[in-house]
Amino acid sequence: SAHRTPQEVEQFAREAKGRGIKIIIAAAGMAAALPGVIA
């Protein structure tokens, strides 16, 4: 959660490429900050 686990979201996003992830699909409702914070 961009709002409830912001540090974990940022860490996930920073480390994803190094783990071999090529594309991220991020789903969110209401304020829907998650995709933008990841990007």
PDB file of all heavy atoms in Angstrom:
ATOM      1  N   SER A   1       0.826  -1.199   0.000  1.00  0.00           N
ATOM      2  CA  SER A   1       0.000   0.000   0.000  1.00  0.00           C
ATOM      3  C   SER A   1       0.864   1.254   0.000  1.00  0.00           C
ATOM      4  O   SER A   1       1.764   1.398   0.831  1.00  0.00           O
ATOM      5  CB  SER A   1      -0.900   0.006   1.248  1.00  0.00           C
ATOM      6  OG  SER A   1      -1.527   1.263   1.403  1.00  0.00           O
ATOM      7  N   ALA A   2       0.569   2.158  -0.933  1.00  0.00           N
ATOM      8  CA  ALA A   2       1.302   3.420  -0.997  1.00  0.00           C
ATOM      9  C   ALA A   2       1.109   4.243   0.266  1.00  0.00           C
ATOM     10  O   ALA A   2       1.974   5.025   0.643  1.00  0.00           O
ATOM     11  CB  ALA A   2       0.852   4.225  -2.214  1.00  0.00           C
ATOM     12  N   HIS A   3      -0.026   4.046   0.933  1.00  0.00           N
ATOM     13  CA  HIS A   3      -0.334   4.845   2.119  1.00  0.00           C
ATOM     14  C   HIS A   3      -0.018   4.122   3.426  1.00  0.00           C
ATOM     15  O   HIS A   3       0.361   4.751   4.405  1.00  0.00           O
ATOM     16  CB  HIS A   3      -1.811   5.256   2.103  1.00  0.00           C
ATOM     17  CG  HIS A   3      -2.155   6.076   0.904  1.00  0.00           C
ATOM     18  ND1 HIS A   3      -2.923   5.600  -0.118  1.00  0.00           N
ATOM     19  CD2 HIS A   3      -1.800   7.328   0.560  1.00  0.00           C
ATOM     20  CE1 HIS A   3      -3.047   6.536  -1.049  1.00  0.00           C
ATOM     21  NE2 HIS A   3      -2.366   7.595  -0.659  1.00  0.00           N
ATOM     22  N   ARG A   4      -0.168   2.803   3.444  1.00  0.00           N
ATOM     23  CA  ARG A   4       0.031   2.057   4.692  1.00  0.00           C
ATOM     24  C   ARG A   4       1.416   1.429   4.808  1.00  0.00           C
ATOM     25  O   ARG A   4       1.882   1.152   5.903  1.00  0.00           O
ATOM     26  CB  ARG A   4      -1.047   0.982   4.833  1.00  0.00           C
ATOM     27  CG  ARG A   4      -2.414   1.615   5.128  1.00  0.00           C
ATOM     28  CD  ARG A   4      -3.517   0.583   5.118  1.00  0.00           C
ATOM     29  NE  ARG A   4      -4.420   1.023   4.048  1.00  0.00           N
ATOM     30  CZ  ARG A   4      -5.114   0.239   3.276  1.00  0.00           C
ATOM     31  NH1 ARG A   4      -5.066  -1.045   3.426  1.00  0.00           N
ATOM     32  NH2 ARG A   4      -5.883   0.736   2.349  1.00  0.00           N
ATOM     33  N   THR A   5       2.071   1.178   3.648  1.00  0.00           N
ATOM     34  CA  THR A   5       3.428   0.612   3.667  1.00  0.00           C
ATOM     35  C   THR A   5       4.314   1.375   2.674  1.00  0.00           C
ATOM     36  O   THR A   5       4.910   0.784   1.775  1.00  0.00           O
ATOM     37  CB  THR A   5       3.418  -0.895   3.313  1.00  0.00           C
ATOM     38  OG1 THR A   5       2.849  -1.059   2.003  1.00  0.00           O
ATOM     39  CG2 THR A   5       2.641  -1.718   4.327  1.00  0.00           C
ATOM     40  N   PRO A   6       4.428   2.691   2.839  1.00  0.00           N
ATOM     41  CA  PRO A   6       5.160   3.479   1.834  1.00  0.00           C
ATOM     42  C   PRO A   6       6.633   3.101   1.697  1.00  0.00           C
ATOM     43  O   PRO A   6       7.159   3.090   0.583  1.00  0.00           O
ATOM     44  CB  PRO A   6       4.990   4.921   2.308  1.00  0.00           C
ATOM     45  CG  PRO A   6       4.647   4.825   3.761  1.00  0.00           C
ATOM     46  CD  PRO A   6       3.903   3.516   3.915  1.00  0.00           C
ATOM     47  N   GLN A   7       7.302   2.793   2.799  1.00  0.00           N
ATOM     48  CA  GLN A   7       8.719   2.422   2.708  1.00  0.00           C
ATOM     49  C   GLN A   7       8.888   1.116   1.930  1.00  0.00           C
ATOM     50  O   GLN A   7       9.800   0.979   1.120  1.00  0.00           O
ATOM     51  CB  GLN A   7       9.355   2.289   4.109  1.00  0.00           C
ATOM     52  CG  GLN A   7       9.501   3.599   4.855  1.00  0.00           C
ATOM     53  CD  GLN A   7       8.228   3.975   5.621  1.00  0.00           C
ATOM     54  OE1 GLN A   7       7.269   3.218   5.695  1.00  0.00           O
ATOM     55  NE2 GLN A   7       8.204   5.187   6.159  1.00  0.00           N
ATOM     56  N   GLU A   8       7.990   0.153   2.161  1.00  0.00           N
ATOM     57  CA  GLU A   8       8.062  -1.129   1.465  1.00  0.00           C
ATOM     58  C   GLU A   8       7.798  -0.958  -0.029  1.00  0.00           C
ATOM     59  O   GLU A   8       8.429  -1.616  -0.864  1.00  0.00           O
ATOM     60  CB  GLU A   8       7.076  -2.124   2.065  1.00  0.00           C
ATOM     61  CG  GLU A   8       7.455  -2.632   3.443  1.00  0.00           C
ATOM     62  CD  GLU A   8       7.033  -1.709   4.595  1.00  0.00           C
ATOM     63  OE1 GLU A   8       6.605  -0.553   4.336  1.00  0.00           O
ATOM     64  OE2 GLU A   8       7.152  -2.137   5.758  1.00  0.00           O
ATOM     65  N   VAL A   9       6.863  -0.065  -0.380  1.00  0.00           N
ATOM     66  CA  VAL A   9       6.581   0.200  -1.793  1.00  0.00           C
ATOM     67  C   VAL A   9       7.816   0.782  -2.471  1.00  0.00           C
ATOM     68  O   VAL A   9       8.213   0.340  -3.560  1.00  0.00           O
ATOM     69  CB  VAL A   9       5.373   1.149  -1.959  1.00  0.00           C
ATOM     70  CG1 VAL A   9       5.231   1.619  -3.402  1.00  0.00           C
ATOM     71  CG2 VAL A   9       4.093   0.466  -1.498  1.00  0.00           C
ATOM     72  N   GLU A  10       8.444   1.776  -1.845  1.00  0.00           N
ATOM     73  CA  GLU A  10       9.634   2.388  -2.425  1.00  0.00           C
ATOM     74  C   GLU A  10      10.777   1.387  -2.549  1.00  0.00           C
ATOM     75  O   GLU A  10      11.456   1.338  -3.577  1.00  0.00           O
ATOM     76  CB  GLU A  10      10.060   3.593  -1.594  1.00  0.00           C
ATOM     77  CG  GLU A  10       9.097   4.759  -1.737  1.00  0.00           C
ATOM     78  CD  GLU A  10       9.489   5.973  -0.925  1.00  0.00           C
ATOM     79  OE1 GLU A  10      10.666   6.063  -0.482  1.00  0.00           O
ATOM     80  OE2 GLU A  10       8.628   6.845  -0.725  1.00  0.00           O
ATOM     81  N   GLN A  11      10.957   0.553  -1.531  1.00  0.00           N
ATOM     82  CA  GLN A  11      12.018  -0.460  -1.577  1.00  0.00           C
ATOM     83  C   GLN A  11      11.729  -1.462  -2.689  1.00  0.00           C
ATOM     84  O   GLN A  11      12.630  -1.820  -3.455  1.00  0.00           O
ATOM     85  CB  GLN A  11      12.135  -1.176  -0.229  1.00  0.00           C
ATOM     86  CG  GLN A  11      13.220  -2.238  -0.216  1.00  0.00           C
ATOM     87  CD  GLN A  11      13.349  -2.923   1.132  1.00  0.00           C
ATOM     88  OE1 GLN A  11      12.664  -2.586   2.098  1.00  0.00           O
ATOM     89  NE2 GLN A  11      14.226  -3.903   1.200  1.00  0.00           N
ATOM     90  N   PHE A  12      10.485  -1.925  -2.778  1.00  0.00           N
ATOM     91  CA  PHE A  12      10.105  -2.853  -3.851  1.00  0.00           C
ATOM     92  C   PHE A  12      10.447  -2.248  -5.209  1.00  0.00           C
ATOM     93  O   PHE A  12      11.071  -2.888  -6.060  1.00  0.00           O
ATOM     94  CB  PHE A  12       8.613  -3.189  -3.787  1.00  0.00           C
ATOM     95  CG  PHE A  12       8.103  -3.708  -5.098  1.00  0.00           C
ATOM     96  CD1 PHE A  12       8.313  -5.017  -5.467  1.00  0.00           C
ATOM     97  CD2 PHE A  12       7.472  -2.852  -5.993  1.00  0.00           C
ATOM     98  CE1 PHE A  12       7.896  -5.483  -6.700  1.00  0.00           C
ATOM     99  CE2 PHE A  12       7.047  -3.307  -7.232  1.00  0.00           C
ATOM    100  CZ  PHE A  12       7.261  -4.618  -7.588  1.00  0.00           C
ATOM    101  N   ALA A  13      10.028  -1.008  -5.448  1.00  0.00           N
ATOM    102  CA  ALA A  13      10.223  -0.360  -6.744  1.00  0.00           C
ATOM    103  C   ALA A  13      11.708  -0.196  -7.070  1.00  0.00           C
ATOM    104  O   ALA A  13      12.125  -0.434  -8.206  1.00  0.00           O
ATOM    105  CB  ALA A  13       9.516   0.988  -6.765  1.00  0.00           C
ATOM    106  N   ARG A  14      12.494   0.194  -6.088  1.00  0.00           N
ATOM    107  CA  ARG A  14      13.931   0.396  -6.320  1.00  0.00           C
ATOM    108  C   ARG A  14      14.653  -0.921  -6.610  1.00  0.00           C
ATOM    109  O   ARG A  14      15.623  -0.942  -7.352  1.00  0.00           O
ATOM    110  CB  ARG A  14      14.572   1.097  -5.125  1.00  0.00           C
ATOM    111  CG  ARG A  14      14.263   2.582  -5.042  1.00  0.00           C
ATOM    112  CD  ARG A  14      15.150   3.296  -4.028  1.00  0.00           C
ATOM    113  NE  ARG A  14      15.052   2.739  -2.687  1.00  0.00           N
ATOM    114  CZ  ARG A  14      14.175   3.142  -1.762  1.00  0.00           C
ATOM    115  NH1 ARG A  14      13.338   4.112  -2.028  1.00  0.00           N
ATOM    116  NH2 ARG A  14      14.158   2.583  -0.574  1.00  0.00           N
ATOM    117  N   GLU A  15      14.181  -2.024  -6.024  1.00  0.00           N
ATOM    118  CA  GLU A  15      14.876  -3.308  -6.154  1.00  0.00           C
ATOM    119  C   GLU A  15      14.328  -4.200  -7.267  1.00  0.00           C
ATOM    120  O   GLU A  15      14.955  -5.204  -7.617  1.00  0.00           O
ATOM    121  CB  GLU A  15      14.814  -4.053  -4.819  1.00  0.00           C
ATOM    122  CG  GLU A  15      15.572  -3.336  -3.708  1.00  0.00           C
ATOM    123  CD  GLU A  15      15.408  -4.005  -2.348  1.00  0.00           C
ATOM    124  OE1 GLU A  15      14.638  -4.994  -2.233  1.00  0.00           O
ATOM    125  OE2 GLU A  15      16.042  -3.523  -1.389  1.00  0.00           O
ATOM    126  N   ALA A  16      13.168  -3.871  -7.833  1.00  0.00           N
ATOM    127  CA  ALA A  16      12.505  -4.757  -8.801  1.00  0.00           C
ATOM    128  C   ALA A  16      13.390  -5.073 -10.004  1.00  0.00           C
ATOM    129  O   ALA A  16      13.522  -6.240 -10.400  1.00  0.00           O
ATOM    130  CB  ALA A  16      11.181  -4.148  -9.245  1.00  0.00           C
ATOM    131  N   LYS A  17      13.986  -4.075 -10.601  1.00  0.00           N
ATOM    132  CA  LYS A  17      14.808  -4.276 -11.794  1.00  0.00           C
ATOM    133  C   LYS A  17      15.979  -5.215 -11.501  1.00  0.00           C
ATOM    134  O   LYS A  17      16.263  -6.126 -12.282  1.00  0.00           O
ATOM    135  CB  LYS A  17      15.311  -2.929 -12.316  1.00  0.00           C
ATOM    136  CG  LYS A  17      15.989  -3.006 -13.650  1.00  0.00           C
ATOM    137  CD  LYS A  17      16.318  -1.598 -14.130  1.00  0.00           C
ATOM    138  CE  LYS A  17      16.817  -1.596 -15.551  1.00  0.00           C
ATOM    139  NZ  LYS A  17      17.077  -0.229 -16.032  1.00  0.00           N
ATOM    140  N   GLY A  18      16.622  -5.024 -10.378  1.00  0.00           N
ATOM    141  CA  GLY A  18      17.746  -5.872  -9.984  1.00  0.00           C
ATOM    142  C   GLY A  18      17.352  -7.319  -9.738  1.00  0.00           C
ATOM    143  O   GLY A  18      18.193  -8.217  -9.806  1.00  0.00           O
ATOM    144  N   ARG A  19      16.082  -7.547  -9.461  1.00  0.00           N
ATOM    145  CA  ARG A  19      15.590  -8.923  -9.248  1.00  0.00           C
ATOM    146  C   ARG A  19      15.125  -9.567 -10.558  1.00  0.00           C
ATOM    147  O   ARG A  19      14.658 -10.690 -10.566  1.00  0.00           O
ATOM    148  CB  ARG A  19      14.430  -8.931  -8.256  1.00  0.00           C
ATOM    149  CG  ARG A  19      14.815  -8.540  -6.850  1.00  0.00           C
ATOM    150  CD  ARG A  19      13.686  -8.724  -5.843  1.00  0.00           C
ATOM    151  NE  ARG A  19      12.443  -8.052  -6.198  1.00  0.00           N
ATOM    152  CZ  ARG A  19      11.342  -8.670  -6.670  1.00  0.00           C
ATOM    153  NH1 ARG A  19      11.315  -9.962  -6.853  1.00  0.00           N
ATOM    154  NH2 ARG A  19      10.247  -7.969  -6.948  1.00  0.00           N
ATOM    155  N   GLY A  20      15.243  -8.828 -11.677  1.00  0.00           N
ATOM    156  CA  GLY A  20      14.864  -9.392 -12.968  1.00  0.00           C
ATOM    157  C   GLY A  20      13.466  -9.043 -13.437  1.00  0.00           C
ATOM    158  O   GLY A  20      13.025  -9.513 -14.488  1.00  0.00           O
ATOM    159  N   ILE A  21      12.758  -8.226 -12.670  1.00  0.00           N
ATOM    160  CA  ILE A  21      11.417  -7.789 -13.088  1.00  0.00           C
ATOM    161  C   ILE A  21      11.587  -6.862 -14.284  1.00  0.00           C
ATOM    162  O   ILE A  21      12.459  -5.998 -14.297  1.00  0.00           O
ATOM    163  CB  ILE A  21      10.680  -7.071 -11.936  1.00  0.00           C
ATOM    164  CG1 ILE A  21      10.492  -8.023 -10.732  1.00  0.00           C
ATOM    165  CG2 ILE A  21       9.344  -6.502 -12.402  1.00  0.00           C
ATOM    166  CD1 ILE A  21       9.647  -9.250 -11.009  1.00  0.00           C
ATOM    167  N   LYS A  22      10.720  -7.041 -15.299  1.00  0.00           N
ATOM    168  CA  LYS A  22      10.784  -6.219 -16.507  1.00  0.00           C
ATOM    169  C   LYS A  22       9.607  -5.245 -16.612  1.00  0.00           C
ATOM    170  O   LYS A  22       9.731  -4.190 -17.219  1.00  0.00           O
ATOM    171  CB  LYS A  22      10.841  -7.099 -17.737  1.00  0.00           C
ATOM    172  CG  LYS A  22      12.057  -8.029 -17.728  1.00  0.00           C
ATOM    173  CD  LYS A  22      12.391  -8.553 -19.075  1.00  0.00           C
ATOM    174  CE  LYS A  22      13.604  -9.445 -19.089  1.00  0.00           C
ATOM    175  NZ  LYS A  22      14.742  -9.044 -18.336  1.00  0.00           N
ATOM    176  N   ILE A  23       8.472  -5.617 -16.030  1.00  0.00           N
ATOM    177  CA  ILE A  23       7.263  -4.800 -16.097  1.00  0.00           C
ATOM    178  C   ILE A  23       6.516  -4.951 -14.785  1.00  0.00           C
ATOM    179  O   ILE A  23       6.438  -6.055 -14.229  1.00  0.00           O
ATOM    180  CB  ILE A  23       6.355  -5.244 -17.262  1.00  0.00           C
ATOM    181  CG1 ILE A  23       7.104  -5.132 -18.593  1.00  0.00           C
ATOM    182  CG2 ILE A  23       5.063  -4.430 -17.309  1.00  0.00           C
ATOM    183  CD1 ILE A  23       6.453  -5.885 -19.722  1.00  0.00           C
ATOM    184  N   ILE A  24       5.916  -3.853 -14.328  1.00  0.00           N
ATOM    185  CA  ILE A  24       5.127  -3.880 -13.100  1.00  0.00           C
ATOM    186  C   ILE A  24       3.691  -3.486 -13.431  1.00  0.00           C
ATOM    187  O   ILE A  24       3.461  -2.468 -14.085  1.00  0.00           O
ATOM    188  CB  ILE A  24       5.698  -2.928 -12.042  1.00  0.00           C
ATOM    189  CG1 ILE A  24       7.136  -3.338 -11.681  1.00  0.00           C
ATOM    190  CG2 ILE A  24       4.804  -2.887 -10.798  1.00  0.00           C
ATOM    191  CD1 ILE A  24       7.892  -2.310 -10.854  1.00  0.00           C
ATOM    192  N   ILE A  25       2.763  -4.303 -12.980  1.00  0.00           N
ATOM    193  CA  ILE A  25       1.346  -3.970 -13.052  1.00  0.00           C
ATOM    194  C   ILE A  25       0.930  -3.604 -11.638  1.00  0.00           C
ATOM    195  O   ILE A  25       1.100  -4.396 -10.712  1.00  0.00           O
ATOM    196  CB  ILE A  25       0.504  -5.151 -13.581  1.00  0.00           C
ATOM    197  CG1 ILE A  25       0.879  -5.440 -15.033  1.00  0.00           C
ATOM    198  CG2 ILE A  25      -0.989  -4.855 -13.440  1.00  0.00           C
ATOM    199  CD1 ILE A  25       0.214  -6.683 -15.597  1.00  0.00           C
ATOM    200  N   ALA A  26       0.397  -2.404 -11.473  1.00  0.00           N
ATOM    201  CA  ALA A  26       0.014  -1.938 -10.139  1.00  0.00           C
ATOM    202  C   ALA A  26      -1.458  -1.553 -10.148  1.00  0.00           C
ATOM    203  O   ALA A  26      -1.878  -0.688 -10.913  1.00  0.00           O
ATOM    204  CB  ALA A  26       0.875  -0.737  -9.727  1.00  0.00           C
ATOM    205  N   ALA A  27      -2.232  -2.210  -9.301  1.00  0.00           N
ATOM    206  CA  ALA A  27      -3.670  -1.952  -9.210  1.00  0.00           C
ATOM    207  C   ALA A  27      -3.976  -1.226  -7.919  1.00  0.00           C
ATOM    208  O   ALA A  27      -3.421  -1.550  -6.864  1.00  0.00           O
ATOM    209  CB  ALA A  27      -4.447  -3.261  -9.267  1.00  0.00           C
ATOM    210  N   ALA A  28      -4.870  -0.240  -8.035  1.00  0.00           N
ATOM    211  CA  ALA A  28      -5.256   0.503  -6.835  1.00  0.00           C
ATOM    212  C   ALA A  28      -6.594   1.176  -7.071  1.00  0.00           C
ATOM    213  O   ALA A  28      -6.952   1.496  -8.201  1.00  0.00           O
ATOM    214  CB  ALA A  28      -4.201   1.550  -6.494  1.00  0.00           C
ATOM    215  N   GLY A  29      -7.303   1.363  -5.992  1.00  0.00           N
ATOM    216  CA  GLY A  29      -8.593   2.051  -6.051  1.00  0.00           C
ATOM    217  C   GLY A  29      -8.536   3.351  -5.282  1.00  0.00           C
ATOM    218  O   GLY A  29      -7.523   3.699  -4.675  1.00  0.00           O
ATOM    219  N   MET A  30      -9.634   4.078  -5.338  1.00  0.00           N
ATOM    220  CA  MET A  30      -9.812   5.355  -4.641  1.00  0.00           C
ATOM    221  C   MET A  30      -8.700   6.343  -5.000  1.00  0.00           C
ATOM    222  O   MET A  30      -8.592   6.723  -6.155  1.00  0.00           O
ATOM    223  CB  MET A  30      -9.968   5.122  -3.147  1.00  0.00           C
ATOM    224  CG  MET A  30     -11.232   4.307  -2.863  1.00  0.00           C
ATOM    225  SD  MET A  30     -11.573   3.712  -1.205  1.00  0.00           S
ATOM    226  CE  MET A  30     -10.717   4.724  -0.094  1.00  0.00           C
ATOM    227  N   ALA A  31      -7.854   6.725  -4.057  1.00  0.00           N
ATOM    228  CA  ALA A  31      -6.803   7.704  -4.343  1.00  0.00           C
ATOM    229  C   ALA A  31      -5.773   7.157  -5.326  1.00  0.00           C
ATOM    230  O   ALA A  31      -5.117   7.906  -6.031  1.00  0.00           O
ATOM    231  CB  ALA A  31      -6.113   8.139  -3.057  1.00  0.00           C
ATOM    232  N   ALA A  32      -5.624   5.854  -5.386  1.00  0.00           N
ATOM    233  CA  ALA A  32      -4.822   5.136  -6.384  1.00  0.00           C
ATOM    234  C   ALA A  32      -3.408   5.678  -6.553  1.00  0.00           C
ATOM    235  O   ALA A  32      -2.932   5.866  -7.662  1.00  0.00           O
ATOM    236  CB  ALA A  32      -5.557   5.106  -7.721  1.00  0.00           C
ATOM    237  N   ALA A  33      -2.717   5.902  -5.463  1.00  0.00           N
ATOM    238  CA  ALA A  33      -1.357   6.431  -5.518  1.00  0.00           C
ATOM    239  C   ALA A  33      -0.316   5.364  -5.854  1.00  0.00           C
ATOM    240  O   ALA A  33       0.783   5.702  -6.314  1.00  0.00           O
ATOM    241  CB  ALA A  33      -1.011   7.083  -4.185  1.00  0.00           C
ATOM    242  N   LEU A  34      -0.637   4.101  -5.658  1.00  0.00           N
ATOM    243  CA  LEU A  34       0.349   3.023  -5.781  1.00  0.00           C
ATOM    244  C   LEU A  34       1.096   3.011  -7.115  1.00  0.00           C
ATOM    245  O   LEU A  34       2.330   2.988  -7.115  1.00  0.00           O
ATOM    246  CB  LEU A  34      -0.317   1.669  -5.508  1.00  0.00           C
ATOM    247  CG  LEU A  34       0.594   0.449  -5.528  1.00  0.00           C
ATOM    248  CD1 LEU A  34       1.672   0.561  -4.450  1.00  0.00           C
ATOM    249  CD2 LEU A  34      -0.228  -0.822  -5.321  1.00  0.00           C
ATOM    250  N   PRO A  35       0.414   3.020  -8.260  1.00  0.00           N
ATOM    251  CA  PRO A  35       1.180   2.993  -9.519  1.00  0.00           C
ATOM    252  C   PRO A  35       2.137   4.168  -9.666  1.00  0.00           C
ATOM    253  O   PRO A  35       3.279   3.991 -10.105  1.00  0.00           O
ATOM    254  CB  PRO A  35       0.093   3.024 -10.603  1.00  0.00           C
ATOM    255  CG  PRO A  35      -1.136   2.501  -9.925  1.00  0.00           C
ATOM    256  CD  PRO A  35      -1.030   2.968  -8.500  1.00  0.00           C
ATOM    257  N   GLY A  36       1.719   5.350  -9.283  1.00  0.00           N
ATOM    258  CA  GLY A  36       2.579   6.526  -9.395  1.00  0.00           C
ATOM    259  C   GLY A  36       3.770   6.487  -8.467  1.00  0.00           C
ATOM    260  O   GLY A  36       4.875   6.871  -8.850  1.00  0.00           O
ATOM    261  N   VAL A  37       3.561   6.022  -7.246  1.00  0.00           N
ATOM    262  CA  VAL A  37       4.676   5.916  -6.295  1.00  0.00           C
ATOM    263  C   VAL A  37       5.686   4.899  -6.807  1.00  0.00           C
ATOM    264  O   VAL A  37       6.897   5.128  -6.742  1.00  0.00           O
ATOM    265  CB  VAL A  37       4.174   5.552  -4.874  1.00  0.00           C
ATOM    266  CG1 VAL A  37       5.330   5.215  -3.947  1.00  0.00           C
ATOM    267  CG2 VAL A  37       3.334   6.685  -4.305  1.00  0.00           C
ATOM    268  N   ILE A  38       5.202   3.798  -7.350  1.00  0.00           N
ATOM    269  CA  ILE A  38       6.120   2.804  -7.918  1.00  0.00           C
ATOM    270  C   ILE A  38       6.883   3.420  -9.084  1.00  0.00           C
ATOM    271  O   ILE A  38       8.111   3.313  -9.169  1.00  0.00           O
ATOM    272  CB  ILE A  38       5.362   1.526  -8.332  1.00  0.00           C
ATOM    273  CG1 ILE A  38       4.867   0.783  -7.087  1.00  0.00           C
ATOM    274  CG2 ILE A  38       6.263   0.618  -9.172  1.00  0.00           C
ATOM    275  CD1 ILE A  38       3.943  -0.382  -7.370  1.00  0.00           C
ATOM    276  N   ALA A  39       6.167   4.073 -10.009  1.00  0.00           N
ATOM    277  CA  ALA A  39       6.807   4.673 -11.183  1.00  0.00           C
ATOM    278  C   ALA A  39       7.843   5.730 -10.786  1.00  0.00           C
ATOM    279  O   ALA A  39       8.848   5.908 -11.471  1.00  0.00           O
ATOM    280  CB  ALA A  39       5.749   5.277 -12.107  1.00  0.00           C
TER     281      ALA A  39
END
